[in-house]
């Protein structure tokens, strides 16, 4: 794998520095969010029925969603850029596998996965890097495997950088992100946009559910 670029180093360092607080704040992040739970459950059902390989949560942070996917009946492991996040995930969920890695160069064999959950984890990638991520997701998914992508939506038709508090992130028009996925060989299964809750950043949350064509 190539040497990490500066934005990967910046992102990893930023999440290392807030990892303990992040794990405390987001431990119960699905509580009170039935639409989020529903789209993850739909992804899990499709993944269970699509093949024989494991599922990977890419950008797993402290591992709470990886554990949730395990509870939904999936053989799952987590990958994250932040070594501190991975240490916290291993401590909290010793029965699950967690690895340090980057989504643009995964240490995973071609066609090895039946599913990928990328839950608000590509948001820090500069826009020009997103096709690389989709190409890598295509490489490691088996034919017919599913990808669930979570992101912040841009409603004015432009990709927009914003202050994520941890490090710079980007909002995407859902149609633009779906088109990049289509160019990488994904077939859209469904999409969901939900309005923010009172205690969330005042932008809509986007979800794209896709299948490897």
N, C-alpha and C. Protein backbone atom coordinates (compact mmCIF):
# COMPACT_ATOMS: atom_id res chain seq x y z
N UNK A 1 0.85 -1.20 0.00
CA UNK A 1 0.00 0.00 0.00
C UNK A 1 0.89 1.24 0.00
N UNK A 2 0.46 2.27 -0.71
CA UNK A 2 1.24 3.49 -0.81
C UNK A 2 1.31 4.20 0.53
N UNK A 3 2.32 5.07 0.65
CA UNK A 3 2.42 5.86 1.86
C UNK A 3 1.18 6.74 2.00
N UNK A 4 0.69 6.93 3.25
CA UNK A 4 -0.53 7.71 3.43
C UNK A 4 -0.34 9.15 3.02
N UNK A 5 -1.37 9.73 2.41
CA UNK A 5 -1.31 11.13 2.02
C UNK A 5 -1.60 11.99 3.24
N UNK A 6 -1.39 13.29 3.09
CA UNK A 6 -1.47 14.19 4.24
C UNK A 6 -2.86 14.21 4.85
N UNK A 7 -3.92 14.15 4.04
CA UNK A 7 -5.25 14.21 4.63
C UNK A 7 -5.55 12.96 5.44
N UNK A 8 -4.99 11.80 5.06
CA UNK A 8 -5.17 10.60 5.86
C UNK A 8 -4.44 10.72 7.20
N UNK A 9 -3.24 11.24 7.17
CA UNK A 9 -2.49 11.45 8.40
C UNK A 9 -3.21 12.44 9.31
N UNK A 10 -3.73 13.52 8.72
CA UNK A 10 -4.46 14.52 9.49
C UNK A 10 -5.71 13.93 10.11
N UNK A 11 -6.44 13.15 9.32
CA UNK A 11 -7.68 12.55 9.82
C UNK A 11 -7.40 11.56 10.95
N UNK A 12 -6.39 10.71 10.75
CA UNK A 12 -6.05 9.74 11.79
C UNK A 12 -5.63 10.44 13.07
N UNK A 13 -4.80 11.45 12.96
CA UNK A 13 -4.35 12.17 14.15
C UNK A 13 -5.48 12.88 14.86
N UNK A 14 -6.40 13.47 14.08
CA UNK A 14 -7.52 14.18 14.68
C UNK A 14 -8.42 13.23 15.46
N UNK A 15 -8.70 12.06 14.90
CA UNK A 15 -9.56 11.10 15.61
C UNK A 15 -8.82 10.44 16.77
N UNK A 16 -7.52 10.23 16.65
CA UNK A 16 -6.76 9.74 17.80
C UNK A 16 -6.94 10.67 19.00
N UNK A 17 -6.91 11.98 18.73
CA UNK A 17 -6.92 12.96 19.82
C UNK A 17 -8.27 13.06 20.52
N UNK A 18 -9.35 12.65 19.85
CA UNK A 18 -10.68 12.77 20.46
C UNK A 18 -11.33 11.40 20.68
N UNK A 19 -10.58 10.33 20.51
CA UNK A 19 -11.18 8.99 20.46
C UNK A 19 -11.95 8.64 21.73
N UNK A 20 -11.38 8.92 22.89
CA UNK A 20 -12.05 8.55 24.15
C UNK A 20 -13.36 9.32 24.30
N UNK A 21 -13.33 10.63 24.06
CA UNK A 21 -14.56 11.43 24.15
C UNK A 21 -15.58 10.99 23.11
N UNK A 22 -15.12 10.72 21.90
CA UNK A 22 -16.00 10.27 20.82
C UNK A 22 -16.71 8.98 21.22
N UNK A 23 -15.97 8.04 21.77
CA UNK A 23 -16.56 6.76 22.17
C UNK A 23 -17.62 6.96 23.24
N UNK A 24 -17.39 7.87 24.16
CA UNK A 24 -18.38 8.14 25.20
C UNK A 24 -19.63 8.80 24.64
N UNK A 25 -19.45 9.76 23.73
CA UNK A 25 -20.58 10.51 23.21
C UNK A 25 -21.47 9.69 22.28
N UNK A 26 -20.87 8.78 21.51
CA UNK A 26 -21.61 8.10 20.46
C UNK A 26 -21.86 6.62 20.75
N UNK A 27 -21.63 6.20 21.98
CA UNK A 27 -21.83 4.79 22.33
C UNK A 27 -23.25 4.33 22.03
N UNK A 28 -24.24 5.18 22.29
CA UNK A 28 -25.65 4.83 22.08
C UNK A 28 -26.24 5.65 20.93
N UNK A 29 -25.46 5.83 19.89
CA UNK A 29 -25.84 6.78 18.83
C UNK A 29 -27.04 6.33 18.01
N UNK A 30 -27.42 5.06 18.05
CA UNK A 30 -28.60 4.62 17.30
C UNK A 30 -29.88 4.75 18.11
N UNK A 31 -29.76 4.97 19.42
CA UNK A 31 -30.95 5.14 20.25
C UNK A 31 -31.70 6.40 19.80
N UNK A 32 -33.00 6.26 19.59
CA UNK A 32 -33.80 7.40 19.18
C UNK A 32 -33.74 7.73 17.71
N UNK A 33 -33.11 6.86 16.91
CA UNK A 33 -32.98 7.10 15.47
C UNK A 33 -33.52 5.89 14.71
N UNK A 34 -34.83 5.71 14.69
CA UNK A 34 -35.41 4.52 14.07
C UNK A 34 -35.14 4.42 12.57
N UNK A 35 -35.04 5.54 11.87
CA UNK A 35 -34.78 5.46 10.44
C UNK A 35 -33.36 4.96 10.17
N UNK A 36 -32.40 5.41 10.97
CA UNK A 36 -31.04 4.91 10.82
C UNK A 36 -30.99 3.40 11.09
N UNK A 37 -31.66 2.98 12.16
CA UNK A 37 -31.67 1.54 12.47
C UNK A 37 -32.33 0.75 11.35
N UNK A 38 -33.36 1.32 10.74
CA UNK A 38 -34.09 0.61 9.69
C UNK A 38 -33.23 0.41 8.45
N UNK A 39 -32.50 1.44 8.04
CA UNK A 39 -31.69 1.28 6.83
C UNK A 39 -30.51 0.34 7.08
N UNK A 40 -29.97 0.35 8.29
CA UNK A 40 -28.91 -0.60 8.62
C UNK A 40 -29.46 -2.02 8.66
N UNK A 41 -30.68 -2.18 9.19
CA UNK A 41 -31.29 -3.51 9.22
C UNK A 41 -31.56 -4.03 7.81
N UNK A 42 -31.98 -3.14 6.91
CA UNK A 42 -32.21 -3.55 5.52
C UNK A 42 -30.90 -4.01 4.88
N UNK A 43 -29.84 -3.25 5.11
CA UNK A 43 -28.53 -3.65 4.60
C UNK A 43 -28.12 -5.01 5.16
N UNK A 44 -28.32 -5.21 6.47
CA UNK A 44 -27.93 -6.48 7.09
C UNK A 44 -28.70 -7.65 6.49
N UNK A 45 -29.98 -7.46 6.25
CA UNK A 45 -30.78 -8.55 5.65
C UNK A 45 -30.28 -8.89 4.25
N UNK A 46 -30.00 -7.86 3.45
CA UNK A 46 -29.49 -8.11 2.11
C UNK A 46 -28.13 -8.79 2.16
N UNK A 47 -27.28 -8.36 3.07
CA UNK A 47 -25.94 -8.96 3.19
C UNK A 47 -26.03 -10.42 3.62
N UNK A 48 -26.92 -10.72 4.55
CA UNK A 48 -27.06 -12.11 5.00
C UNK A 48 -27.45 -13.03 3.86
N UNK A 49 -28.19 -12.50 2.89
CA UNK A 49 -28.72 -13.33 1.81
C UNK A 49 -27.91 -13.26 0.52
N UNK A 50 -26.78 -12.52 0.54
CA UNK A 50 -26.11 -12.26 -0.74
C UNK A 50 -24.86 -13.09 -0.98
N UNK A 51 -24.34 -13.78 0.02
CA UNK A 51 -23.12 -14.53 -0.23
C UNK A 51 -22.59 -15.19 1.02
N UNK A 52 -21.34 -15.61 0.95
CA UNK A 52 -20.76 -16.39 2.04
C UNK A 52 -19.67 -15.65 2.80
N UNK A 53 -19.19 -14.54 2.30
CA UNK A 53 -18.08 -13.84 2.93
C UNK A 53 -18.52 -13.02 4.13
N UNK A 54 -17.57 -12.44 4.85
CA UNK A 54 -17.90 -11.56 5.97
C UNK A 54 -18.31 -10.17 5.49
N UNK A 55 -18.73 -9.35 6.43
CA UNK A 55 -19.05 -7.95 6.21
C UNK A 55 -18.00 -7.12 6.93
N UNK A 56 -17.62 -6.00 6.33
CA UNK A 56 -16.67 -5.09 6.97
C UNK A 56 -17.34 -3.75 7.23
N UNK A 57 -17.15 -3.24 8.45
CA UNK A 57 -17.48 -1.84 8.69
C UNK A 57 -16.20 -1.04 8.51
N UNK A 58 -16.19 -0.17 7.52
CA UNK A 58 -15.01 0.61 7.18
C UNK A 58 -15.16 2.01 7.76
N UNK A 59 -14.21 2.38 8.62
CA UNK A 59 -14.35 3.59 9.40
C UNK A 59 -15.17 3.29 10.65
N UNK A 60 -14.79 2.22 11.34
CA UNK A 60 -15.63 1.66 12.41
C UNK A 60 -15.53 2.43 13.71
N UNK A 61 -14.54 3.33 13.86
CA UNK A 61 -14.41 4.05 15.11
C UNK A 61 -14.28 3.10 16.29
N UNK A 62 -15.00 3.36 17.39
CA UNK A 62 -14.90 2.51 18.57
C UNK A 62 -15.70 1.22 18.50
N UNK A 63 -16.30 0.94 17.34
CA UNK A 63 -16.86 -0.39 17.10
C UNK A 63 -18.30 -0.62 17.47
N UNK A 64 -19.04 0.43 17.84
CA UNK A 64 -20.41 0.18 18.29
C UNK A 64 -21.31 -0.30 17.16
N UNK A 65 -21.08 0.18 15.94
CA UNK A 65 -21.90 -0.29 14.81
C UNK A 65 -21.44 -1.67 14.35
N UNK A 66 -20.17 -1.96 14.45
CA UNK A 66 -19.71 -3.31 14.15
C UNK A 66 -20.41 -4.31 15.05
N UNK A 67 -20.49 -3.99 16.35
CA UNK A 67 -21.18 -4.87 17.29
C UNK A 67 -22.68 -4.95 16.96
N UNK A 68 -23.27 -3.85 16.52
CA UNK A 68 -24.68 -3.86 16.14
C UNK A 68 -24.91 -4.80 14.95
N UNK A 69 -24.02 -4.77 13.98
CA UNK A 69 -24.15 -5.67 12.83
C UNK A 69 -24.00 -7.13 13.27
N UNK A 70 -23.10 -7.39 14.21
CA UNK A 70 -22.97 -8.74 14.77
C UNK A 70 -24.30 -9.17 15.41
N UNK A 71 -24.94 -8.27 16.14
CA UNK A 71 -26.21 -8.58 16.78
C UNK A 71 -27.32 -8.81 15.76
N UNK A 72 -27.15 -8.28 14.54
CA UNK A 72 -28.11 -8.50 13.46
C UNK A 72 -27.81 -9.79 12.69
N UNK A 73 -26.85 -10.56 13.16
CA UNK A 73 -26.61 -11.88 12.58
C UNK A 73 -25.51 -11.95 11.54
N UNK A 74 -24.65 -10.94 11.47
CA UNK A 74 -23.61 -10.93 10.46
C UNK A 74 -22.25 -11.34 11.02
N UNK A 75 -21.46 -12.00 10.20
CA UNK A 75 -20.05 -12.23 10.45
C UNK A 75 -19.34 -10.95 10.04
N UNK A 76 -18.84 -10.16 10.99
CA UNK A 76 -18.41 -8.80 10.69
C UNK A 76 -17.11 -8.48 11.41
N UNK A 77 -16.33 -7.60 10.78
CA UNK A 77 -15.14 -7.05 11.42
C UNK A 77 -15.05 -5.57 11.07
N UNK A 78 -14.20 -4.85 11.82
CA UNK A 78 -14.09 -3.41 11.63
C UNK A 78 -12.69 -2.98 11.23
N UNK A 79 -12.63 -1.89 10.44
CA UNK A 79 -11.37 -1.29 10.01
C UNK A 79 -11.47 0.21 10.25
N UNK A 80 -10.41 0.81 10.78
CA UNK A 80 -10.40 2.25 10.99
C UNK A 80 -8.99 2.79 10.82
N UNK A 81 -8.91 4.04 10.42
CA UNK A 81 -7.63 4.70 10.19
C UNK A 81 -6.94 5.06 11.50
N UNK A 82 -7.71 5.22 12.57
CA UNK A 82 -7.18 5.69 13.85
C UNK A 82 -6.77 4.53 14.75
N UNK A 83 -5.49 4.39 15.08
CA UNK A 83 -5.06 3.32 15.98
C UNK A 83 -5.71 3.40 17.36
N UNK A 84 -5.93 4.61 17.86
CA UNK A 84 -6.55 4.74 19.18
C UNK A 84 -7.99 4.24 19.14
N UNK A 85 -8.72 4.58 18.07
CA UNK A 85 -10.08 4.06 17.92
C UNK A 85 -10.09 2.54 17.91
N UNK A 86 -9.14 1.95 17.19
CA UNK A 86 -9.08 0.49 17.12
C UNK A 86 -8.78 -0.11 18.48
N UNK A 87 -7.91 0.52 19.25
CA UNK A 87 -7.64 0.04 20.61
C UNK A 87 -8.91 0.06 21.46
N UNK A 88 -9.69 1.14 21.35
CA UNK A 88 -10.94 1.24 22.11
C UNK A 88 -11.95 0.20 21.66
N UNK A 89 -12.02 -0.04 20.35
CA UNK A 89 -12.96 -1.04 19.83
C UNK A 89 -12.59 -2.43 20.32
N UNK A 90 -11.32 -2.76 20.29
CA UNK A 90 -10.87 -4.08 20.77
C UNK A 90 -11.17 -4.25 22.26
N UNK A 91 -10.98 -3.18 23.03
CA UNK A 91 -11.24 -3.25 24.47
C UNK A 91 -12.73 -3.44 24.75
N UNK A 92 -13.57 -2.71 24.01
CA UNK A 92 -15.01 -2.77 24.25
C UNK A 92 -15.65 -4.04 23.70
N UNK A 93 -15.07 -4.60 22.62
CA UNK A 93 -15.68 -5.75 21.94
C UNK A 93 -14.60 -6.80 21.67
N UNK A 94 -14.10 -7.47 22.70
CA UNK A 94 -12.98 -8.40 22.51
C UNK A 94 -13.34 -9.62 21.67
N UNK A 95 -14.63 -9.84 21.45
CA UNK A 95 -15.05 -11.00 20.65
C UNK A 95 -15.04 -10.69 19.15
N UNK A 96 -14.78 -9.43 18.77
CA UNK A 96 -14.79 -9.04 17.37
C UNK A 96 -13.38 -8.67 16.90
N UNK A 97 -13.20 -8.73 15.59
CA UNK A 97 -11.89 -8.40 15.00
C UNK A 97 -11.89 -6.96 14.51
N UNK A 98 -10.83 -6.23 14.86
CA UNK A 98 -10.66 -4.85 14.42
C UNK A 98 -9.23 -4.66 13.93
N UNK A 99 -9.10 -3.90 12.83
CA UNK A 99 -7.79 -3.70 12.21
C UNK A 99 -7.61 -2.23 11.85
N UNK A 100 -6.37 -1.76 11.96
CA UNK A 100 -6.02 -0.43 11.46
C UNK A 100 -5.83 -0.52 9.95
N UNK A 101 -6.47 0.38 9.22
CA UNK A 101 -6.33 0.37 7.77
C UNK A 101 -7.01 1.57 7.15
N UNK A 102 -6.73 1.78 5.88
CA UNK A 102 -7.30 2.89 5.13
C UNK A 102 -8.23 2.37 4.05
N UNK A 103 -9.34 3.04 3.86
CA UNK A 103 -10.34 2.60 2.88
C UNK A 103 -9.87 2.72 1.44
N UNK A 104 -8.79 3.47 1.21
CA UNK A 104 -8.32 3.58 -0.18
C UNK A 104 -7.29 2.53 -0.54
N UNK A 105 -6.95 1.65 0.42
CA UNK A 105 -6.00 0.58 0.15
C UNK A 105 -6.14 -0.52 1.19
N UNK A 106 -7.19 -1.30 1.08
CA UNK A 106 -7.54 -2.28 2.11
C UNK A 106 -6.71 -3.55 1.99
N UNK A 107 -6.35 -4.11 3.13
CA UNK A 107 -5.64 -5.39 3.17
C UNK A 107 -6.67 -6.52 3.17
N UNK A 108 -7.45 -6.57 2.11
CA UNK A 108 -8.55 -7.52 1.96
C UNK A 108 -8.49 -8.07 0.54
N UNK A 109 -8.66 -9.36 0.39
CA UNK A 109 -8.56 -10.00 -0.92
C UNK A 109 -9.70 -9.56 -1.84
N UNK A 110 -9.45 -9.66 -3.14
CA UNK A 110 -10.48 -9.35 -4.13
C UNK A 110 -11.71 -10.23 -3.89
N UNK A 111 -12.88 -9.60 -3.91
CA UNK A 111 -14.13 -10.35 -3.83
C UNK A 111 -14.37 -11.08 -2.52
N UNK A 112 -13.72 -10.64 -1.44
CA UNK A 112 -13.79 -11.39 -0.18
C UNK A 112 -15.00 -11.04 0.68
N UNK A 113 -15.65 -9.89 0.43
CA UNK A 113 -16.70 -9.41 1.32
C UNK A 113 -18.08 -9.55 0.70
N UNK A 114 -19.06 -9.86 1.53
CA UNK A 114 -20.45 -9.84 1.06
C UNK A 114 -21.10 -8.49 1.29
N UNK A 115 -20.49 -7.65 2.15
CA UNK A 115 -21.08 -6.35 2.42
C UNK A 115 -20.08 -5.39 3.04
N UNK A 116 -20.31 -4.09 2.82
CA UNK A 116 -19.52 -3.02 3.41
C UNK A 116 -20.48 -1.98 3.99
N UNK A 117 -20.26 -1.63 5.24
CA UNK A 117 -20.92 -0.49 5.84
C UNK A 117 -19.89 0.63 5.97
N UNK A 118 -20.16 1.75 5.32
CA UNK A 118 -19.32 2.93 5.43
C UNK A 118 -20.20 4.05 5.96
N UNK A 119 -20.25 4.17 7.29
CA UNK A 119 -21.23 5.03 7.97
C UNK A 119 -20.57 6.36 8.32
N UNK A 120 -20.79 7.36 7.46
CA UNK A 120 -20.22 8.69 7.67
C UNK A 120 -18.70 8.60 7.82
N UNK A 121 -18.08 7.73 7.04
CA UNK A 121 -16.63 7.53 7.14
C UNK A 121 -15.88 7.97 5.89
N UNK A 122 -16.56 8.27 4.78
CA UNK A 122 -15.86 8.84 3.63
C UNK A 122 -16.00 10.36 3.61
N UNK A 123 -16.63 10.92 4.64
CA UNK A 123 -16.93 12.36 4.62
C UNK A 123 -15.68 13.22 4.69
N UNK A 124 -14.57 12.67 5.18
CA UNK A 124 -13.35 13.46 5.29
C UNK A 124 -12.46 13.37 4.05
N UNK A 125 -12.81 12.52 3.11
CA UNK A 125 -12.01 12.37 1.89
C UNK A 125 -12.24 13.56 0.97
N UNK A 126 -11.19 14.19 0.47
CA UNK A 126 -11.37 15.23 -0.54
C UNK A 126 -12.19 14.70 -1.72
N UNK A 127 -13.02 15.52 -2.32
CA UNK A 127 -13.92 15.03 -3.38
C UNK A 127 -13.22 14.25 -4.48
N UNK A 128 -12.01 14.67 -4.86
CA UNK A 128 -11.32 13.98 -5.96
C UNK A 128 -10.88 12.58 -5.58
N UNK A 129 -10.90 12.25 -4.28
CA UNK A 129 -10.48 10.93 -3.83
C UNK A 129 -11.63 9.92 -3.79
N UNK A 130 -12.86 10.38 -3.84
CA UNK A 130 -14.01 9.49 -3.68
C UNK A 130 -14.03 8.37 -4.73
N UNK A 131 -13.74 8.63 -6.02
CA UNK A 131 -13.71 7.51 -6.97
C UNK A 131 -12.74 6.41 -6.57
N UNK A 132 -11.62 6.76 -5.96
CA UNK A 132 -10.67 5.74 -5.49
C UNK A 132 -11.30 4.86 -4.43
N UNK A 133 -12.06 5.46 -3.53
CA UNK A 133 -12.73 4.69 -2.49
C UNK A 133 -13.75 3.73 -3.11
N UNK A 134 -14.56 4.23 -4.03
CA UNK A 134 -15.55 3.37 -4.66
C UNK A 134 -14.89 2.23 -5.43
N UNK A 135 -13.78 2.50 -6.08
CA UNK A 135 -13.07 1.44 -6.80
C UNK A 135 -12.57 0.37 -5.84
N UNK A 136 -12.07 0.79 -4.66
CA UNK A 136 -11.60 -0.18 -3.69
C UNK A 136 -12.76 -0.98 -3.10
N UNK A 137 -13.89 -0.32 -2.88
CA UNK A 137 -15.08 -1.06 -2.40
C UNK A 137 -15.50 -2.10 -3.43
N UNK A 138 -15.47 -1.73 -4.71
CA UNK A 138 -15.79 -2.67 -5.77
C UNK A 138 -14.84 -3.87 -5.76
N UNK A 139 -13.58 -3.59 -5.58
CA UNK A 139 -12.57 -4.66 -5.63
C UNK A 139 -12.81 -5.72 -4.55
N UNK A 140 -13.10 -5.30 -3.32
CA UNK A 140 -13.17 -6.25 -2.21
C UNK A 140 -14.54 -6.89 -2.04
N UNK A 141 -15.58 -6.35 -2.71
CA UNK A 141 -16.90 -6.96 -2.63
C UNK A 141 -17.03 -8.11 -3.62
N UNK A 142 -17.73 -9.15 -3.22
CA UNK A 142 -18.05 -10.22 -4.14
C UNK A 142 -19.18 -9.78 -5.06
N UNK A 143 -19.33 -10.41 -6.22
CA UNK A 143 -20.45 -10.04 -7.11
C UNK A 143 -21.78 -10.12 -6.36
N UNK A 144 -22.56 -9.07 -6.49
CA UNK A 144 -23.84 -9.02 -5.79
C UNK A 144 -23.75 -8.52 -4.36
N UNK A 145 -22.52 -8.24 -3.87
CA UNK A 145 -22.36 -7.73 -2.52
C UNK A 145 -22.91 -6.32 -2.38
N UNK A 146 -23.22 -5.94 -1.15
CA UNK A 146 -23.90 -4.66 -0.91
C UNK A 146 -23.03 -3.67 -0.16
N UNK A 147 -23.26 -2.40 -0.45
CA UNK A 147 -22.59 -1.28 0.19
C UNK A 147 -23.64 -0.33 0.72
N UNK A 148 -23.52 0.03 2.00
CA UNK A 148 -24.37 1.07 2.58
C UNK A 148 -23.48 2.24 2.96
N UNK A 149 -23.78 3.38 2.39
CA UNK A 149 -22.99 4.58 2.59
C UNK A 149 -23.82 5.61 3.34
N UNK A 150 -23.27 6.16 4.43
CA UNK A 150 -23.89 7.26 5.15
C UNK A 150 -23.06 8.52 4.98
N UNK A 151 -23.72 9.67 4.83
CA UNK A 151 -22.99 10.92 4.57
C UNK A 151 -23.89 12.10 4.91
N UNK A 152 -23.32 13.29 4.90
CA UNK A 152 -24.09 14.51 5.07
C UNK A 152 -24.43 15.07 3.69
N UNK A 153 -25.70 15.43 3.51
CA UNK A 153 -26.15 15.88 2.19
C UNK A 153 -25.97 17.38 2.02
N UNK A 154 -25.64 17.76 0.79
CA UNK A 154 -25.64 19.16 0.38
C UNK A 154 -26.89 19.40 -0.45
N UNK A 155 -27.67 20.38 -0.06
CA UNK A 155 -28.96 20.61 -0.71
C UNK A 155 -28.90 21.63 -1.83
N UNK A 156 -27.75 22.27 -2.04
CA UNK A 156 -27.68 23.32 -3.06
C UNK A 156 -26.98 22.87 -4.33
N UNK A 157 -26.75 21.56 -4.46
CA UNK A 157 -26.17 21.02 -5.68
C UNK A 157 -24.67 21.09 -5.77
N UNK A 158 -23.99 21.48 -4.69
CA UNK A 158 -22.54 21.60 -4.70
C UNK A 158 -21.93 20.75 -3.60
N UNK A 159 -20.73 20.23 -3.86
CA UNK A 159 -19.96 19.58 -2.80
C UNK A 159 -19.39 20.69 -1.93
N UNK A 160 -19.63 20.62 -0.63
CA UNK A 160 -19.27 21.70 0.27
C UNK A 160 -18.41 21.20 1.42
N UNK A 161 -17.29 21.87 1.66
CA UNK A 161 -16.49 21.60 2.84
C UNK A 161 -17.12 22.28 4.04
N UNK A 162 -17.00 21.65 5.21
CA UNK A 162 -17.50 22.28 6.43
C UNK A 162 -16.65 21.86 7.62
N UNK A 163 -16.80 22.60 8.70
CA UNK A 163 -16.05 22.33 9.92
C UNK A 163 -16.78 21.23 10.69
N UNK A 164 -16.21 20.04 10.70
CA UNK A 164 -16.81 18.90 11.35
C UNK A 164 -16.46 18.83 12.84
N UNK A 165 -15.67 19.76 13.33
CA UNK A 165 -15.14 19.82 14.69
C UNK A 165 -13.95 18.89 14.89
N UNK A 166 -14.02 17.66 14.34
CA UNK A 166 -12.85 16.78 14.43
C UNK A 166 -11.83 17.20 13.37
N UNK A 167 -12.25 17.22 12.11
CA UNK A 167 -11.41 17.67 11.01
C UNK A 167 -12.32 17.95 9.81
N UNK A 168 -11.78 18.61 8.81
CA UNK A 168 -12.57 19.03 7.65
C UNK A 168 -13.34 17.87 7.04
N UNK A 169 -14.60 18.13 6.72
CA UNK A 169 -15.45 17.12 6.08
C UNK A 169 -16.19 17.77 4.92
N UNK A 170 -16.91 16.93 4.16
CA UNK A 170 -17.58 17.40 2.94
C UNK A 170 -19.02 16.91 2.91
N UNK A 171 -19.90 17.81 2.48
CA UNK A 171 -21.30 17.47 2.21
C UNK A 171 -21.46 17.23 0.72
N UNK A 172 -22.30 16.24 0.37
CA UNK A 172 -22.46 15.83 -1.02
C UNK A 172 -23.93 15.89 -1.45
N UNK A 173 -24.21 16.39 -2.66
CA UNK A 173 -25.54 16.16 -3.23
C UNK A 173 -25.72 14.66 -3.46
N UNK A 174 -26.84 14.12 -3.06
CA UNK A 174 -27.02 12.68 -3.11
C UNK A 174 -26.94 12.16 -4.55
N UNK A 175 -27.44 12.93 -5.52
CA UNK A 175 -27.39 12.48 -6.91
C UNK A 175 -25.95 12.39 -7.41
N UNK A 176 -25.11 13.32 -7.00
CA UNK A 176 -23.71 13.31 -7.44
C UNK A 176 -22.96 12.11 -6.87
N UNK A 177 -23.19 11.83 -5.60
CA UNK A 177 -22.52 10.68 -4.99
C UNK A 177 -23.02 9.38 -5.61
N UNK A 178 -24.31 9.29 -5.87
CA UNK A 178 -24.86 8.10 -6.51
C UNK A 178 -24.29 7.91 -7.92
N UNK A 179 -24.06 9.01 -8.63
CA UNK A 179 -23.51 8.91 -9.99
C UNK A 179 -22.06 8.42 -9.95
N UNK A 180 -21.28 8.88 -8.99
CA UNK A 180 -19.91 8.38 -8.87
C UNK A 180 -19.90 6.88 -8.56
N UNK A 181 -20.83 6.45 -7.71
CA UNK A 181 -20.93 5.02 -7.41
C UNK A 181 -21.32 4.24 -8.66
N UNK A 182 -22.25 4.78 -9.43
CA UNK A 182 -22.67 4.10 -10.66
C UNK A 182 -21.50 3.95 -11.63
N UNK A 183 -20.69 5.00 -11.76
CA UNK A 183 -19.53 4.94 -12.65
C UNK A 183 -18.52 3.90 -12.19
N UNK A 184 -18.50 3.62 -10.89
CA UNK A 184 -17.59 2.61 -10.35
C UNK A 184 -18.15 1.20 -10.49
N UNK A 185 -19.39 1.07 -10.97
CA UNK A 185 -19.97 -0.24 -11.19
C UNK A 185 -21.04 -0.66 -10.21
N UNK A 186 -21.51 0.27 -9.36
CA UNK A 186 -22.56 -0.06 -8.41
C UNK A 186 -23.93 0.21 -9.00
N UNK A 187 -24.89 -0.59 -8.56
CA UNK A 187 -26.30 -0.42 -8.93
C UNK A 187 -27.04 0.06 -7.69
N UNK A 188 -27.75 1.15 -7.82
CA UNK A 188 -28.47 1.68 -6.66
C UNK A 188 -29.66 0.79 -6.32
N UNK A 189 -29.76 0.44 -5.05
CA UNK A 189 -30.89 -0.34 -4.54
C UNK A 189 -31.93 0.58 -3.91
N UNK A 190 -31.46 1.58 -3.20
CA UNK A 190 -32.38 2.52 -2.57
C UNK A 190 -31.62 3.66 -1.92
N UNK A 191 -32.37 4.68 -1.54
CA UNK A 191 -31.76 5.84 -0.89
C UNK A 191 -32.72 6.38 0.16
N UNK A 192 -32.15 7.06 1.14
CA UNK A 192 -32.95 7.69 2.18
C UNK A 192 -32.31 9.00 2.58
N UNK A 193 -33.13 10.03 2.75
CA UNK A 193 -32.70 11.29 3.34
C UNK A 193 -33.56 11.53 4.57
N UNK A 194 -32.93 11.88 5.66
CA UNK A 194 -33.71 12.23 6.84
C UNK A 194 -33.27 13.59 7.37
N UNK A 195 -34.23 14.28 7.98
CA UNK A 195 -33.95 15.58 8.56
C UNK A 195 -33.17 15.42 9.86
N UNK A 196 -32.37 16.40 10.23
CA UNK A 196 -31.60 16.30 11.46
C UNK A 196 -32.49 16.41 12.70
N UNK A 197 -32.09 15.72 13.75
CA UNK A 197 -32.75 15.89 15.04
C UNK A 197 -32.28 17.21 15.68
N UNK A 198 -32.97 17.60 16.74
CA UNK A 198 -32.69 18.89 17.36
C UNK A 198 -31.25 19.03 17.82
N UNK A 199 -30.64 17.95 18.28
CA UNK A 199 -29.29 18.02 18.83
C UNK A 199 -28.22 17.64 17.81
N UNK A 200 -28.60 17.58 16.53
CA UNK A 200 -27.64 17.25 15.48
C UNK A 200 -27.29 18.48 14.66
N UNK A 201 -26.20 18.36 13.91
CA UNK A 201 -25.84 19.40 12.95
C UNK A 201 -27.02 19.64 12.01
N UNK A 202 -27.37 20.89 11.72
CA UNK A 202 -28.59 21.19 10.95
C UNK A 202 -28.44 20.93 9.45
N UNK A 203 -28.08 19.72 9.08
CA UNK A 203 -28.02 19.31 7.68
C UNK A 203 -28.65 17.92 7.57
N UNK A 204 -29.18 17.63 6.40
CA UNK A 204 -29.82 16.33 6.22
C UNK A 204 -28.79 15.21 6.14
N UNK A 205 -29.21 14.05 6.60
CA UNK A 205 -28.36 12.86 6.56
C UNK A 205 -28.76 12.03 5.34
N UNK A 206 -27.77 11.66 4.53
CA UNK A 206 -28.03 10.87 3.34
C UNK A 206 -27.57 9.43 3.51
N UNK A 207 -28.30 8.52 2.86
CA UNK A 207 -27.96 7.10 2.92
C UNK A 207 -28.17 6.52 1.53
N UNK A 208 -27.15 5.86 1.02
CA UNK A 208 -27.25 5.17 -0.28
C UNK A 208 -26.97 3.68 -0.07
N UNK A 209 -27.89 2.87 -0.53
CA UNK A 209 -27.75 1.42 -0.47
C UNK A 209 -27.53 0.94 -1.90
N UNK A 210 -26.40 0.26 -2.12
CA UNK A 210 -25.99 -0.11 -3.47
C UNK A 210 -25.53 -1.56 -3.54
N UNK A 211 -25.54 -2.09 -4.74
CA UNK A 211 -25.13 -3.47 -4.98
C UNK A 211 -24.03 -3.48 -6.05
N UNK A 212 -23.05 -4.33 -5.84
CA UNK A 212 -22.01 -4.48 -6.86
C UNK A 212 -22.60 -5.15 -8.09
N UNK A 213 -22.48 -4.46 -9.23
CA UNK A 213 -23.06 -4.98 -10.45
C UNK A 213 -22.22 -6.10 -11.07
